[in-house]
Amino acid sequence: MINLYSDTQTRPTAAMREAMASAEVGDEQSFADPTVNELCSRVAALLGFEAAVFLPSGTMCNAIAFRLHIGTGGDEAYLHRRSHPIVAEAGGPAALSGAVLCPLDGERGMFTADALRDALRPADRYLPRSRLVSVEQTTNLSGGHVWPREQLSQVVEVARGPGLRLHMDGARLMNAVVASGISAASWASGFDTAWVDFSKGLGAPVGACLAGSRALIDEAWRYKQMWGGAMRQAGIVAAGALYALDHHVDRLADDHALAATLARELASVPGVSLDPARVTTNIVVFEVADAPALVAALADAGVKMGALGPTTVRAVTHLDVDADDAAQAVEAVRSALSTGRVRSSPA
């Protein structure tokens, strides 16, 4: 199977497995796991914060951050309507934090400062309080886009005016770093919390780190314990994350280059609608007449992609996909759309 479903499909390399197998470990709940401690220190410095906490998943990073900023209910969070907390966290912000979610629109998964300003609530006891702004870097379902620096800075400025908190969902933050040449700490500047994931393009099997002030991370530990995220000899998996930071960040450029090639070739297939110039990291989103039917036909041909809706397909490059795989995937799409098995144009 040529697996372009997501960069979450990466498997640890042999060298990463060796690093994990030989990791020094201890009880991370007692802060006695030296590998976890090193990882948290590295990520705090990487993102420009005082402290960080190692968590099992990026979803838990978002969940804890929302709880830290929202509390136990009634306050409002502003985020793009296609962002992960809305579409892929099982209603967690509402269930765990009582958050009122205000979905914002915006091109390529990014809202503007004006859109945020227009959505903010006036101080009124009848209304939820405006409390939190959350952004994805890079944007996920909208195609792996990197926020323009000025646009993001303007959003931060609008949020800071009335004293809102800011959270960065950094599931693919390192892709943004490599694509833009801007440091992770610079991207996270002005935010109260941010996190980085290791189990996507960085190729580790599990884990993410949430960073913030010492006070916020101390409180994050409380929710980590409460929600079952505290671990014991977690250095075994933290070692994979450290290996990824040391060896797999720069190589994200290879994924970006392969995605650009994949996009150019897919754009030449009759029945595919795609602007290759809009592909800047490792996510390729394109339109066809019948996305579920195409995805099913591709699976039969040994290629896995994801249908994001009736007409939208997503393909994601990563460590386990090479140029030959991408070429075969394009031919599978071409074959599926040319044989009549899948409609190549709207009915």
C-alpha atoms as a PDB file:
ATOM      1  CA  MET A   1       0.000   0.000   0.000  1.00  0.00           C
ATOM      2  CA  ILE A   2       1.254   3.452  -0.975  1.00  0.00           C
ATOM      3  CA  ASN A   3      -0.049   5.330   2.040  1.00  0.00           C
ATOM      4  CA  LEU A   4      -0.749   9.000   1.349  1.00  0.00           C
ATOM      5  CA  TYR A   5      -3.655   9.139   3.784  1.00  0.00           C
ATOM      6  CA  SER A   6      -1.732  11.257   6.297  1.00  0.00           C
ATOM      7  CA  ASP A   7       1.749  11.885   7.661  1.00  0.00           C
ATOM      8  CA  THR A   8       0.447  10.173  10.803  1.00  0.00           C
ATOM      9  CA  GLN A   9       1.082   6.956   8.871  1.00  0.00           C
ATOM     10  CA  THR A  10       4.866   7.234   9.217  1.00  0.00           C
ATOM     11  CA  ARG A  11       6.673   4.431  10.993  1.00  0.00           C
ATOM     12  CA  PRO A  12       9.794   4.845  13.128  1.00  0.00           C
ATOM     13  CA  THR A  13      13.013   4.215  11.250  1.00  0.00           C
ATOM     14  CA  ALA A  14      15.468   1.533  12.318  1.00  0.00           C
ATOM     15  CA  ALA A  15      17.761   4.193  13.794  1.00  0.00           C
ATOM     16  CA  MET A  16      14.879   5.734  15.727  1.00  0.00           C
ATOM     17  CA  ARG A  17      13.923   2.313  17.078  1.00  0.00           C
ATOM     18  CA  GLU A  18      17.503   1.832  18.248  1.00  0.00           C
ATOM     19  CA  ALA A  19      17.416   5.172  20.053  1.00  0.00           C
ATOM     20  CA  MET A  20      14.142   4.227  21.716  1.00  0.00           C
ATOM     21  CA  ALA A  21      15.379   0.794  22.728  1.00  0.00           C
ATOM     22  CA  SER A  22      18.460   2.245  24.414  1.00  0.00           C
ATOM     23  CA  ALA A  23      16.752   5.219  26.082  1.00  0.00           C
ATOM     24  CA  GLU A  24      17.464   5.946  29.724  1.00  0.00           C
ATOM     25  CA  VAL A  25      14.145   5.898  31.562  1.00  0.00           C
ATOM     26  CA  GLY A  26      12.549   6.565  34.928  1.00  0.00           C
ATOM     27  CA  ASP A  27       9.194   7.548  36.403  1.00  0.00           C
ATOM     28  CA  GLU A  28       8.076  10.593  34.434  1.00  0.00           C
ATOM     29  CA  GLN A  29       5.278  11.315  36.935  1.00  0.00           C
ATOM     30  CA  SER A  30       8.000  11.921  39.509  1.00  0.00           C
ATOM     31  CA  PHE A  31      10.075  13.917  36.999  1.00  0.00           C
ATOM     32  CA  ALA A  32      12.623  11.107  37.215  1.00  0.00           C
ATOM     33  CA  ASP A  33      12.726  10.148  33.537  1.00  0.00           C
ATOM     34  CA  PRO A  34      15.821  11.887  32.149  1.00  0.00           C
ATOM     35  CA  THR A  35      14.804  11.398  28.516  1.00  0.00           C
ATOM     36  CA  VAL A  36      11.380  12.965  29.031  1.00  0.00           C
ATOM     37  CA  ASN A  37      12.963  15.798  30.993  1.00  0.00           C
ATOM     38  CA  GLU A  38      15.430  16.457  28.187  1.00  0.00           C
ATOM     39  CA  LEU A  39      12.662  16.469  25.605  1.00  0.00           C
ATOM     40  CA  CYS A  40      10.556  18.938  27.579  1.00  0.00           C
ATOM     41  CA  SER A  41      13.543  21.223  28.071  1.00  0.00           C
ATOM     42  CA  ARG A  42      14.365  21.058  24.350  1.00  0.00           C
ATOM     43  CA  VAL A  43      10.819  21.865  23.273  1.00  0.00           C
ATOM     44  CA  ALA A  44      10.431  24.737  25.755  1.00  0.00           C
ATOM     45  CA  ALA A  45      13.582  26.317  24.313  1.00  0.00           C
ATOM     46  CA  LEU A  46      12.544  25.516  20.744  1.00  0.00           C
ATOM     47  CA  LEU A  47       9.211  27.307  21.156  1.00  0.00           C
ATOM     48  CA  GLY A  48      10.506  30.111  23.347  1.00  0.00           C
ATOM     49  CA  PHE A  49       8.641  29.266  26.567  1.00  0.00           C
ATOM     50  CA  GLU A  50       9.587  28.604  30.177  1.00  0.00           C
ATOM     51  CA  ALA A  51       8.406  25.006  30.344  1.00  0.00           C
ATOM     52  CA  ALA A  52       6.807  22.139  28.437  1.00  0.00           C
ATOM     53  CA  VAL A  53       4.986  18.905  29.211  1.00  0.00           C
ATOM     54  CA  PHE A  54       5.134  15.665  27.225  1.00  0.00           C
ATOM     55  CA  LEU A  55       1.686  14.352  26.312  1.00  0.00           C
ATOM     56  CA  PRO A  56       0.440  11.255  24.475  1.00  0.00           C
ATOM     57  CA  SER A  57      -1.175  13.207  21.624  1.00  0.00           C
ATOM     58  CA  GLY A  58      -1.682  16.575  20.023  1.00  0.00           C
ATOM     59  CA  THR A  59      -5.384  16.289  20.738  1.00  0.00           C
ATOM     60  CA  MET A  60      -4.565  16.197  24.456  1.00  0.00           C
ATOM     61  CA  CYS A  61      -2.371  19.271  23.964  1.00  0.00           C
ATOM     62  CA  ASN A  62      -5.347  21.133  22.529  1.00  0.00           C
ATOM     63  CA  ALA A  63      -7.708  19.764  25.170  1.00  0.00           C
ATOM     64  CA  ILE A  64      -5.506  20.823  28.069  1.00  0.00           C
ATOM     65  CA  ALA A  65      -4.741  24.207  26.533  1.00  0.00           C
ATOM     66  CA  PHE A  66      -8.444  24.957  26.075  1.00  0.00           C
ATOM     67  CA  ARG A  67      -9.080  23.973  29.699  1.00  0.00           C
ATOM     68  CA  LEU A  68      -6.233  26.205  30.868  1.00  0.00           C
ATOM     69  CA  HIS A  69      -7.575  29.194  28.979  1.00  0.00           C
ATOM     70  CA  ILE A  70     -11.346  28.657  29.068  1.00  0.00           C
ATOM     71  CA  GLY A  71     -11.746  27.113  32.508  1.00  0.00           C
ATOM     72  CA  THR A  72     -14.914  25.118  33.125  1.00  0.00           C
ATOM     73  CA  GLY A  73     -17.403  26.751  30.837  1.00  0.00           C
ATOM     74  CA  GLY A  74     -19.187  29.588  29.154  1.00  0.00           C
ATOM     75  CA  ASP A  75     -16.310  31.491  27.574  1.00  0.00           C
ATOM     76  CA  GLU A  76     -15.842  31.718  23.822  1.00  0.00           C
ATOM     77  CA  ALA A  77     -12.979  30.511  21.653  1.00  0.00           C
ATOM     78  CA  TYR A  78     -12.350  31.742  18.103  1.00  0.00           C
ATOM     79  CA  LEU A  79     -10.874  29.410  15.506  1.00  0.00           C
ATOM     80  CA  HIS A  80     -11.221  28.485  11.862  1.00  0.00           C
ATOM     81  CA  ARG A  81     -14.280  26.369  11.137  1.00  0.00           C
ATOM     82  CA  ARG A  82     -12.117  23.604   9.599  1.00  0.00           C
ATOM     83  CA  SER A  83      -9.618  23.497  12.455  1.00  0.00           C
ATOM     84  CA  HIS A  84      -8.856  20.316  14.367  1.00  0.00           C
ATOM     85  CA  PRO A  85     -10.667  21.128  17.653  1.00  0.00           C
ATOM     86  CA  ILE A  86     -13.895  21.600  15.685  1.00  0.00           C
ATOM     87  CA  VAL A  87     -13.704  18.717  13.200  1.00  0.00           C
ATOM     88  CA  ALA A  88     -11.604  16.007  14.843  1.00  0.00           C
ATOM     89  CA  GLU A  89     -11.714  16.117  18.655  1.00  0.00           C
ATOM     90  CA  ALA A  90     -15.124  14.586  19.348  1.00  0.00           C
ATOM     91  CA  GLY A  91     -16.532  17.795  20.822  1.00  0.00           C
ATOM     92  CA  GLY A  92     -13.758  17.860  23.413  1.00  0.00           C
ATOM     93  CA  PRO A  93     -13.581  21.652  23.872  1.00  0.00           C
ATOM     94  CA  ALA A  94     -17.269  21.729  24.800  1.00  0.00           C
ATOM     95  CA  ALA A  95     -17.280  18.517  26.839  1.00  0.00           C
ATOM     96  CA  LEU A  96     -14.069  19.123  28.775  1.00  0.00           C
ATOM     97  CA  SER A  97     -13.955  22.911  29.024  1.00  0.00           C
ATOM     98  CA  GLY A  98     -17.489  24.067  28.317  1.00  0.00           C
ATOM     99  CA  ALA A  99     -16.122  26.214  25.518  1.00  0.00           C
ATOM    100  CA  VAL A 100     -18.429  28.126  23.223  1.00  0.00           C
ATOM    101  CA  LEU A 101     -16.770  27.727  19.813  1.00  0.00           C
ATOM    102  CA  CYS A 102     -17.051  30.552  17.301  1.00  0.00           C
ATOM    103  CA  PRO A 103     -16.058  29.200  13.852  1.00  0.00           C
ATOM    104  CA  LEU A 104     -14.389  31.787  11.635  1.00  0.00           C
ATOM    105  CA  ASP A 105     -14.119  31.645   7.854  1.00  0.00           C
ATOM    106  CA  GLY A 106     -11.019  32.474   5.903  1.00  0.00           C
ATOM    107  CA  GLU A 107      -9.129  31.383   2.815  1.00  0.00           C
ATOM    108  CA  ARG A 108      -6.827  28.364   3.104  1.00  0.00           C
ATOM    109  CA  GLY A 109      -7.787  27.735   6.720  1.00  0.00           C
ATOM    110  CA  MET A 110      -6.642  31.153   7.963  1.00  0.00           C
ATOM    111  CA  PHE A 111      -8.896  33.928   9.231  1.00  0.00           C
ATOM    112  CA  THR A 112      -8.019  37.602   9.177  1.00  0.00           C
ATOM    113  CA  ALA A 113      -7.655  40.117  11.958  1.00  0.00           C
ATOM    114  CA  ASP A 114     -10.782  41.862  10.660  1.00  0.00           C
ATOM    115  CA  ALA A 115     -12.795  38.616  10.817  1.00  0.00           C
ATOM    116  CA  LEU A 116     -11.665  38.097  14.394  1.00  0.00           C
ATOM    117  CA  ARG A 117     -12.398  41.696  15.373  1.00  0.00           C
ATOM    118  CA  ASP A 118     -15.896  41.472  13.922  1.00  0.00           C
ATOM    119  CA  ALA A 119     -16.626  38.288  15.874  1.00  0.00           C
ATOM    120  CA  LEU A 120     -15.476  39.463  19.303  1.00  0.00           C
ATOM    121  CA  ARG A 121     -18.214  40.014  21.885  1.00  0.00           C
ATOM    122  CA  PRO A 122     -18.819  43.260  23.715  1.00  0.00           C
ATOM    123  CA  ALA A 123     -18.765  43.065  27.493  1.00  0.00           C
ATOM    124  CA  ASP A 124     -22.325  42.088  28.358  1.00  0.00           C
ATOM    125  CA  ARG A 125     -23.635  39.745  31.028  1.00  0.00           C
ATOM    126  CA  TYR A 126     -26.010  38.221  28.452  1.00  0.00           C
ATOM    127  CA  LEU A 127     -23.161  37.107  26.187  1.00  0.00           C
ATOM    128  CA  PRO A 128     -20.328  34.599  26.482  1.00  0.00           C
ATOM    129  CA  ARG A 129     -17.023  36.244  27.267  1.00  0.00           C
ATOM    130  CA  SER A 130     -14.488  36.433  24.471  1.00  0.00           C
ATOM    131  CA  ARG A 131     -11.583  34.456  25.879  1.00  0.00           C
ATOM    132  CA  LEU A 132      -9.364  32.492  23.481  1.00  0.00           C
ATOM    133  CA  VAL A 133      -8.014  32.561  19.926  1.00  0.00           C
ATOM    134  CA  SER A 134      -6.638  29.309  18.500  1.00  0.00           C
ATOM    135  CA  VAL A 135      -4.751  28.962  15.214  1.00  0.00           C
ATOM    136  CA  GLU A 136      -3.327  26.009  13.295  1.00  0.00           C
ATOM    137  CA  GLN A 137       0.203  26.235  11.926  1.00  0.00           C
ATOM    138  CA  THR A 138       0.219  24.826   9.266  1.00  0.00           C
ATOM    139  CA  THR A 139      -3.448  24.601   8.337  1.00  0.00           C
ATOM    140  CA  ASN A 140      -4.498  20.982   8.005  1.00  0.00           C
ATOM    141  CA  LEU A 141      -7.649  20.262   6.032  1.00  0.00           C
ATOM    142  CA  SER A 142      -7.265  23.395   3.950  1.00  0.00           C
ATOM    143  CA  GLY A 143      -3.986  22.212   2.448  1.00  0.00           C
ATOM    144  CA  GLY A 144      -0.967  22.614   4.712  1.00  0.00           C
ATOM    145  CA  HIS A 145      -0.648  26.376   4.322  1.00  0.00           C
ATOM    146  CA  VAL A 146       1.754  28.529   6.314  1.00  0.00           C
ATOM    147  CA  TRP A 147       0.223  31.640   7.855  1.00  0.00           C
ATOM    148  CA  PRO A 148       1.695  34.818   6.364  1.00  0.00           C
ATOM    149  CA  ARG A 149       3.769  36.421   9.094  1.00  0.00           C
ATOM    150  CA  GLU A 150       1.974  39.777   8.884  1.00  0.00           C
ATOM    151  CA  GLN A 151      -1.491  38.213   8.919  1.00  0.00           C
ATOM    152  CA  LEU A 152      -0.696  36.189  12.013  1.00  0.00           C
ATOM    153  CA  SER A 153       0.832  39.192  13.763  1.00  0.00           C
ATOM    154  CA  GLN A 154      -2.320  41.193  13.071  1.00  0.00           C
ATOM    155  CA  VAL A 155      -4.482  38.424  14.559  1.00  0.00           C
ATOM    156  CA  VAL A 156      -2.291  38.390  17.670  1.00  0.00           C
ATOM    157  CA  GLU A 157      -2.577  42.160  17.972  1.00  0.00           C
ATOM    158  CA  VAL A 158      -6.382  42.106  17.744  1.00  0.00           C
ATOM    159  CA  ALA A 159      -6.586  39.314  20.324  1.00  0.00           C
ATOM    160  CA  ARG A 160      -4.248  41.068  22.729  1.00  0.00           C
ATOM    161  CA  GLY A 161      -6.196  44.324  22.637  1.00  0.00           C
ATOM    162  CA  PRO A 162      -9.083  43.089  24.835  1.00  0.00           C
ATOM    163  CA  GLY A 163      -6.838  40.665  26.721  1.00  0.00           C
ATOM    164  CA  LEU A 164      -7.700  37.373  25.033  1.00  0.00           C
ATOM    165  CA  ARG A 165      -5.478  34.305  25.410  1.00  0.00           C
ATOM    166  CA  LEU A 166      -3.750  32.826  22.336  1.00  0.00           C
ATOM    167  CA  HIS A 167      -3.048  29.162  21.572  1.00  0.00           C
ATOM    168  CA  MET A 168      -1.111  27.689  18.647  1.00  0.00           C
ATOM    169  CA  ASP A 169      -1.969  24.210  17.398  1.00  0.00           C
ATOM    170  CA  GLY A 170       1.468  23.239  16.116  1.00  0.00           C
ATOM    171  CA  ALA A 171       0.702  19.781  14.770  1.00  0.00           C
ATOM    172  CA  ARG A 172       2.801  20.654  11.716  1.00  0.00           C
ATOM    173  CA  LEU A 173       4.644  23.660  13.082  1.00  0.00           C
ATOM    174  CA  MET A 174       8.010  22.289  12.014  1.00  0.00           C
ATOM    175  CA  ASN A 175       6.736  22.051   8.435  1.00  0.00           C
ATOM    176  CA  ALA A 176       6.015  25.780   8.665  1.00  0.00           C
ATOM    177  CA  VAL A 177       9.495  26.389  10.058  1.00  0.00           C
ATOM    178  CA  VAL A 178      11.193  24.531   7.216  1.00  0.00           C
ATOM    179  CA  ALA A 179       8.971  26.044   4.513  1.00  0.00           C
ATOM    180  CA  SER A 180       9.301  29.636   5.755  1.00  0.00           C
ATOM    181  CA  GLY A 181      12.756  29.747   7.280  1.00  0.00           C
ATOM    182  CA  ILE A 182      11.179  31.374  10.358  1.00  0.00           C
ATOM    183  CA  SER A 183      12.008  29.791  13.718  1.00  0.00           C
ATOM    184  CA  ALA A 184       9.455  27.943  15.818  1.00  0.00           C
ATOM    185  CA  ALA A 185       9.979  30.438  18.643  1.00  0.00           C
ATOM    186  CA  SER A 186       9.233  33.320  16.306  1.00  0.00           C
ATOM    187  CA  TRP A 187       6.015  31.696  15.112  1.00  0.00           C
ATOM    188  CA  ALA A 188       4.941  31.066  18.702  1.00  0.00           C
ATOM    189  CA  SER A 189       5.845  34.568  19.876  1.00  0.00           C
ATOM    190  CA  GLY A 190       2.860  36.342  21.381  1.00  0.00           C
ATOM    191  CA  PHE A 191       1.033  33.102  22.164  1.00  0.00           C
ATOM    192  CA  ASP A 192       0.297  31.850  25.670  1.00  0.00           C
ATOM    193  CA  THR A 193       0.608  28.184  24.720  1.00  0.00           C
ATOM    194  CA  ALA A 194       1.887  26.263  21.713  1.00  0.00           C
ATOM    195  CA  TRP A 195       2.721  22.678  20.963  1.00  0.00           C
ATOM    196  CA  VAL A 196       4.642  20.556  18.517  1.00  0.00           C
ATOM    197  CA  ASP A 197       3.768  17.058  17.360  1.00  0.00           C
ATOM    198  CA  PHE A 198       6.254  14.256  16.797  1.00  0.00           C
ATOM    199  CA  SER A 199       4.019  11.601  15.231  1.00  0.00           C
ATOM    200  CA  LYS A 200       3.358  13.316  11.904  1.00  0.00           C
ATOM    201  CA  GLY A 201       6.080  14.437   9.515  1.00  0.00           C
ATOM    202  CA  LEU A 202       8.759  14.031  12.180  1.00  0.00           C
ATOM    203  CA  GLY A 203       8.108  10.298  12.078  1.00  0.00           C
ATOM    204  CA  ALA A 204       7.994   9.359  15.761  1.00  0.00           C
ATOM    205  CA  PRO A 205       5.414   6.755  16.801  1.00  0.00           C
ATOM    206  CA  VAL A 206       3.629   8.806  19.464  1.00  0.00           C
ATOM    207  CA  GLY A 207       3.609  12.030  21.445  1.00  0.00           C
ATOM    208  CA  ALA A 208       3.531  15.820  21.479  1.00  0.00           C
ATOM    209  CA  CYS A 209       4.774  18.566  23.809  1.00  0.00           C
ATOM    210  CA  LEU A 210       2.706  21.496  25.042  1.00  0.00           C
ATOM    211  CA  ALA A 211       4.704  24.576  26.055  1.00  0.00           C
ATOM    212  CA  GLY A 212       3.852  27.721  28.019  1.00  0.00           C
ATOM    213  CA  SER A 213       4.733  29.623  31.149  1.00  0.00           C
ATOM    214  CA  ARG A 214       5.894  27.659  34.187  1.00  0.00           C
ATOM    215  CA  ALA A 215       2.584  28.394  35.928  1.00  0.00           C
ATOM    216  CA  LEU A 216       0.500  27.176  32.982  1.00  0.00           C
ATOM    217  CA  ILE A 217       2.541  23.997  32.538  1.00  0.00           C
ATOM    218  CA  ASP A 218       2.320  23.239  36.255  1.00  0.00           C
ATOM    219  CA  GLU A 219      -1.457  23.467  35.876  1.00  0.00           C
ATOM    220  CA  ALA A 220      -1.312  21.421  32.645  1.00  0.00           C
ATOM    221  CA  TRP A 221       0.227  18.601  34.675  1.00  0.00           C
ATOM    222  CA  ARG A 222      -2.900  18.579  36.818  1.00  0.00           C
ATOM    223  CA  TYR A 223      -5.081  17.914  33.761  1.00  0.00           C
ATOM    224  CA  LYS A 224      -2.582  15.434  32.375  1.00  0.00           C
ATOM    225  CA  GLN A 225      -3.058  13.458  35.584  1.00  0.00           C
ATOM    226  CA  MET A 226      -6.825  14.007  35.720  1.00  0.00           C
ATOM    227  CA  TRP A 227      -7.441  12.861  32.142  1.00  0.00           C
ATOM    228  CA  GLY A 228      -5.186   9.811  32.228  1.00  0.00           C
ATOM    229  CA  GLY A 229      -2.264  11.173  30.256  1.00  0.00           C
ATOM    230  CA  ALA A 230       0.397  10.728  32.934  1.00  0.00           C
ATOM    231  CA  MET A 231       2.871   7.964  32.124  1.00  0.00           C
ATOM    232  CA  ARG A 232       5.707   6.094  33.788  1.00  0.00           C
ATOM    233  CA  GLN A 233       8.834   5.042  31.846  1.00  0.00           C
ATOM    234  CA  ALA A 234       7.884   7.299  28.971  1.00  0.00           C
ATOM    235  CA  GLY A 235      11.491   7.915  27.961  1.00  0.00           C
ATOM    236  CA  ILE A 236      11.160   5.044  25.516  1.00  0.00           C
ATOM    237  CA  VAL A 237       8.759   7.074  23.377  1.00  0.00           C
ATOM    238  CA  ALA A 238      10.309  10.443  24.249  1.00  0.00           C
ATOM    239  CA  ALA A 239      13.564   9.126  22.771  1.00  0.00           C
ATOM    240  CA  GLY A 240      11.809   8.765  19.423  1.00  0.00           C
ATOM    241  CA  ALA A 241      10.738  12.399  19.638  1.00  0.00           C
ATOM    242  CA  LEU A 242      14.278  13.530  20.485  1.00  0.00           C
ATOM    243  CA  TYR A 243      15.653  11.515  17.590  1.00  0.00           C
ATOM    244  CA  ALA A 244      13.091  13.180  15.325  1.00  0.00           C
ATOM    245  CA  LEU A 245      14.158  16.665  16.440  1.00  0.00           C
ATOM    246  CA  ASP A 246      17.792  15.777  15.766  1.00  0.00           C
ATOM    247  CA  HIS A 247      17.377  13.971  12.439  1.00  0.00           C
ATOM    248  CA  HIS A 248      13.976  14.527  10.830  1.00  0.00           C
ATOM    249  CA  VAL A 249      13.339  18.279  10.845  1.00  0.00           C
ATOM    250  CA  ASP A 250      15.491  19.360   7.887  1.00  0.00           C
ATOM    251  CA  ARG A 251      14.297  16.413   5.831  1.00  0.00           C
ATOM    252  CA  LEU A 252      10.745  17.815   5.910  1.00  0.00           C
ATOM    253  CA  ALA A 253      11.927  19.814   2.897  1.00  0.00           C
ATOM    254  CA  ASP A 254      12.029  16.513   0.995  1.00  0.00           C
ATOM    255  CA  ASP A 255       8.350  15.943   1.803  1.00  0.00           C
ATOM    256  CA  HIS A 256       7.526  19.443   0.604  1.00  0.00           C
ATOM    257  CA  ALA A 257       9.396  18.937  -2.661  1.00  0.00           C
ATOM    258  CA  LEU A 258       7.680  15.603  -3.236  1.00  0.00           C
ATOM    259  CA  ALA A 259       4.273  17.156  -2.530  1.00  0.00           C
ATOM    260  CA  ALA A 260       5.007  19.877  -5.081  1.00  0.00           C
ATOM    261  CA  THR A 261       5.877  17.240  -7.671  1.00  0.00           C
ATOM    262  CA  LEU A 262       2.799  15.207  -6.789  1.00  0.00           C
ATOM    263  CA  ALA A 263       0.617  18.307  -7.158  1.00  0.00           C
ATOM    264  CA  ARG A 264       2.056  19.202 -10.566  1.00  0.00           C
ATOM    265  CA  GLU A 265       1.480  15.693 -11.874  1.00  0.00           C
ATOM    266  CA  LEU A 266      -2.014  15.397 -10.428  1.00  0.00           C
ATOM    267  CA  ALA A 267      -2.957  18.732 -11.965  1.00  0.00           C
ATOM    268  CA  SER A 268      -2.262  17.234 -15.398  1.00  0.00           C
ATOM    269  CA  VAL A 269      -4.803  14.445 -14.885  1.00  0.00           C
ATOM    270  CA  PRO A 270      -8.156  15.086 -16.626  1.00  0.00           C
ATOM    271  CA  GLY A 271     -10.874  15.375 -14.002  1.00  0.00           C
ATOM    272  CA  VAL A 272      -8.588  16.733 -11.259  1.00  0.00           C
ATOM    273  CA  SER A 273      -8.897  20.356 -10.196  1.00  0.00           C
ATOM    274  CA  LEU A 274      -5.754  21.595  -8.455  1.00  0.00           C
ATOM    275  CA  ASP A 275      -3.503  24.653  -8.441  1.00  0.00           C
ATOM    276  CA  PRO A 276       0.038  23.337  -7.797  1.00  0.00           C
ATOM    277  CA  ALA A 277       1.233  26.806  -6.823  1.00  0.00           C
ATOM    278  CA  ARG A 278      -0.896  26.626  -3.682  1.00  0.00           C
ATOM    279  CA  VAL A 279       0.977  23.552  -2.392  1.00  0.00           C
ATOM    280  CA  THR A 280       3.756  24.788  -0.110  1.00  0.00           C
ATOM    281  CA  THR A 281       4.311  22.029   2.450  1.00  0.00           C
ATOM    282  CA  ASN A 282       3.422  18.322   2.500  1.00  0.00           C
ATOM    283  CA  ILE A 283      -0.369  18.383   2.043  1.00  0.00           C
ATOM    284  CA  VAL A 284      -2.024  18.201  -1.382  1.00  0.00           C
ATOM    285  CA  VAL A 285      -5.763  18.869  -1.509  1.00  0.00           C
ATOM    286  CA  PHE A 286      -7.561  18.500  -4.833  1.00  0.00           C
ATOM    287  CA  GLU A 287     -11.075  18.352  -6.230  1.00  0.00           C
ATOM    288  CA  VAL A 288     -12.745  15.621  -8.281  1.00  0.00           C
ATOM    289  CA  ALA A 289     -16.360  14.859  -9.161  1.00  0.00           C
ATOM    290  CA  ASP A 290     -16.728  12.003  -6.663  1.00  0.00           C
ATOM    291  CA  ALA A 291     -14.092  11.875  -3.930  1.00  0.00           C
ATOM    292  CA  PRO A 292     -15.362   8.784  -2.018  1.00  0.00           C
ATOM    293  CA  ALA A 293     -15.551   6.761  -5.241  1.00  0.00           C
ATOM    294  CA  LEU A 294     -12.036   7.798  -6.260  1.00  0.00           C
ATOM    295  CA  VAL A 295     -10.624   6.987  -2.826  1.00  0.00           C
ATOM    296  CA  ALA A 296     -12.279   3.533  -2.959  1.00  0.00           C
ATOM    297  CA  ALA A 297     -10.888   2.855  -6.436  1.00  0.00           C
ATOM    298  CA  LEU A 298      -7.420   3.964  -5.338  1.00  0.00           C
ATOM    299  CA  ALA A 299      -7.548   1.638  -2.332  1.00  0.00           C
ATOM    300  CA  ASP A 300      -8.268  -1.267  -4.670  1.00  0.00           C
ATOM    301  CA  ALA A 301      -5.208  -0.202  -6.665  1.00  0.00           C
ATOM    302  CA  GLY A 302      -2.979  -0.128  -3.582  1.00  0.00           C
ATOM    303  CA  VAL A 303      -3.002   3.631  -2.977  1.00  0.00           C
ATOM    304  CA  LYS A 304      -4.500   5.191   0.132  1.00  0.00           C
ATOM    305  CA  MET A 305      -5.752   8.786   0.162  1.00  0.00           C
ATOM    306  CA  GLY A 306      -8.503  10.446   2.183  1.00  0.00           C
ATOM    307  CA  ALA A 307     -11.838  11.942   1.132  1.00  0.00           C
ATOM    308  CA  LEU A 308     -12.456  15.200   2.993  1.00  0.00           C
ATOM    309  CA  GLY A 309     -15.917  15.632   1.518  1.00  0.00           C
ATOM    310  CA  PRO A 310     -18.024  14.773  -1.536  1.00  0.00           C
ATOM    311  CA  THR A 311     -15.507  16.252  -3.987  1.00  0.00           C
ATOM    312  CA  THR A 312     -12.314  16.854  -1.982  1.00  0.00           C
ATOM    313  CA  VAL A 313      -9.361  14.473  -1.680  1.00  0.00           C
ATOM    314  CA  ARG A 314      -6.256  14.882   0.480  1.00  0.00           C
ATOM    315  CA  ALA A 315      -2.845  13.301  -0.115  1.00  0.00           C
ATOM    316  CA  VAL A 316       0.000  13.827   2.356  1.00  0.00           C
ATOM    317  CA  THR A 317       3.678  13.112   1.734  1.00  0.00           C
ATOM    318  CA  HIS A 318       5.924  11.818   4.497  1.00  0.00           C
ATOM    319  CA  LEU A 319       8.972   9.764   5.391  1.00  0.00           C
ATOM    320  CA  ASP A 320       7.538   6.477   4.089  1.00  0.00           C
ATOM    321  CA  VAL A 321       6.642   7.766   0.602  1.00  0.00           C
ATOM    322  CA  ASP A 322       9.210   8.260  -2.158  1.00  0.00           C
ATOM    323  CA  ALA A 323       9.177   9.593  -5.718  1.00  0.00           C
ATOM    324  CA  ASP A 324       8.311   6.218  -7.246  1.00  0.00           C
ATOM    325  CA  ASP A 325       5.377   5.869  -4.857  1.00  0.00           C
ATOM    326  CA  ALA A 326       4.098   9.320  -5.800  1.00  0.00           C
ATOM    327  CA  ALA A 327       4.390   8.539  -9.502  1.00  0.00           C
ATOM    328  CA  GLN A 328       2.441   5.307  -9.053  1.00  0.00           C
ATOM    329  CA  ALA A 329      -0.217   7.189  -7.100  1.00  0.00           C
ATOM    330  CA  VAL A 330      -0.665   9.682  -9.928  1.00  0.00           C
ATOM    331  CA  GLU A 331      -1.050   6.876 -12.449  1.00  0.00           C
ATOM    332  CA  ALA A 332      -3.611   5.194 -10.193  1.00  0.00           C
ATOM    333  CA  VAL A 333      -5.632   8.422 -10.108  1.00  0.00           C
ATOM    334  CA  ARG A 334      -5.323   8.781 -13.873  1.00  0.00           C
ATOM    335  CA  SER A 335      -6.443   5.192 -14.423  1.00  0.00           C
ATOM    336  CA  ALA A 336      -9.394   5.453 -12.052  1.00  0.00           C
ATOM    337  CA  LEU A 337     -10.669   8.631 -13.704  1.00  0.00           C
ATOM    338  CA  SER A 338     -10.101   7.458 -17.272  1.00  0.00           C
ATOM    339  CA  THR A 339     -11.651   3.999 -17.134  1.00  0.00           C
ATOM    340  CA  GLY A 340     -15.139   5.208 -16.287  1.00  0.00           C
ATOM    341  CA  ARG A 341     -15.147   3.495 -12.915  1.00  0.00           C
ATOM    342  CA  VAL A 342     -15.131   6.930 -11.274  1.00  0.00           C
ATOM    343  CA  ARG A 343     -16.907   9.973 -12.707  1.00  0.00           C
ATOM    344  CA  SER A 344     -14.329  12.434 -14.021  1.00  0.00           C
ATOM    345  CA  SER A 345     -16.778  15.325 -14.258  1.00  0.00           C
ATOM    346  CA  PRO A 346     -19.882  16.423 -12.364  1.00  0.00           C
ATOM    347  CA  ALA A 347     -23.113  14.641 -13.301  1.00  0.00           C
END
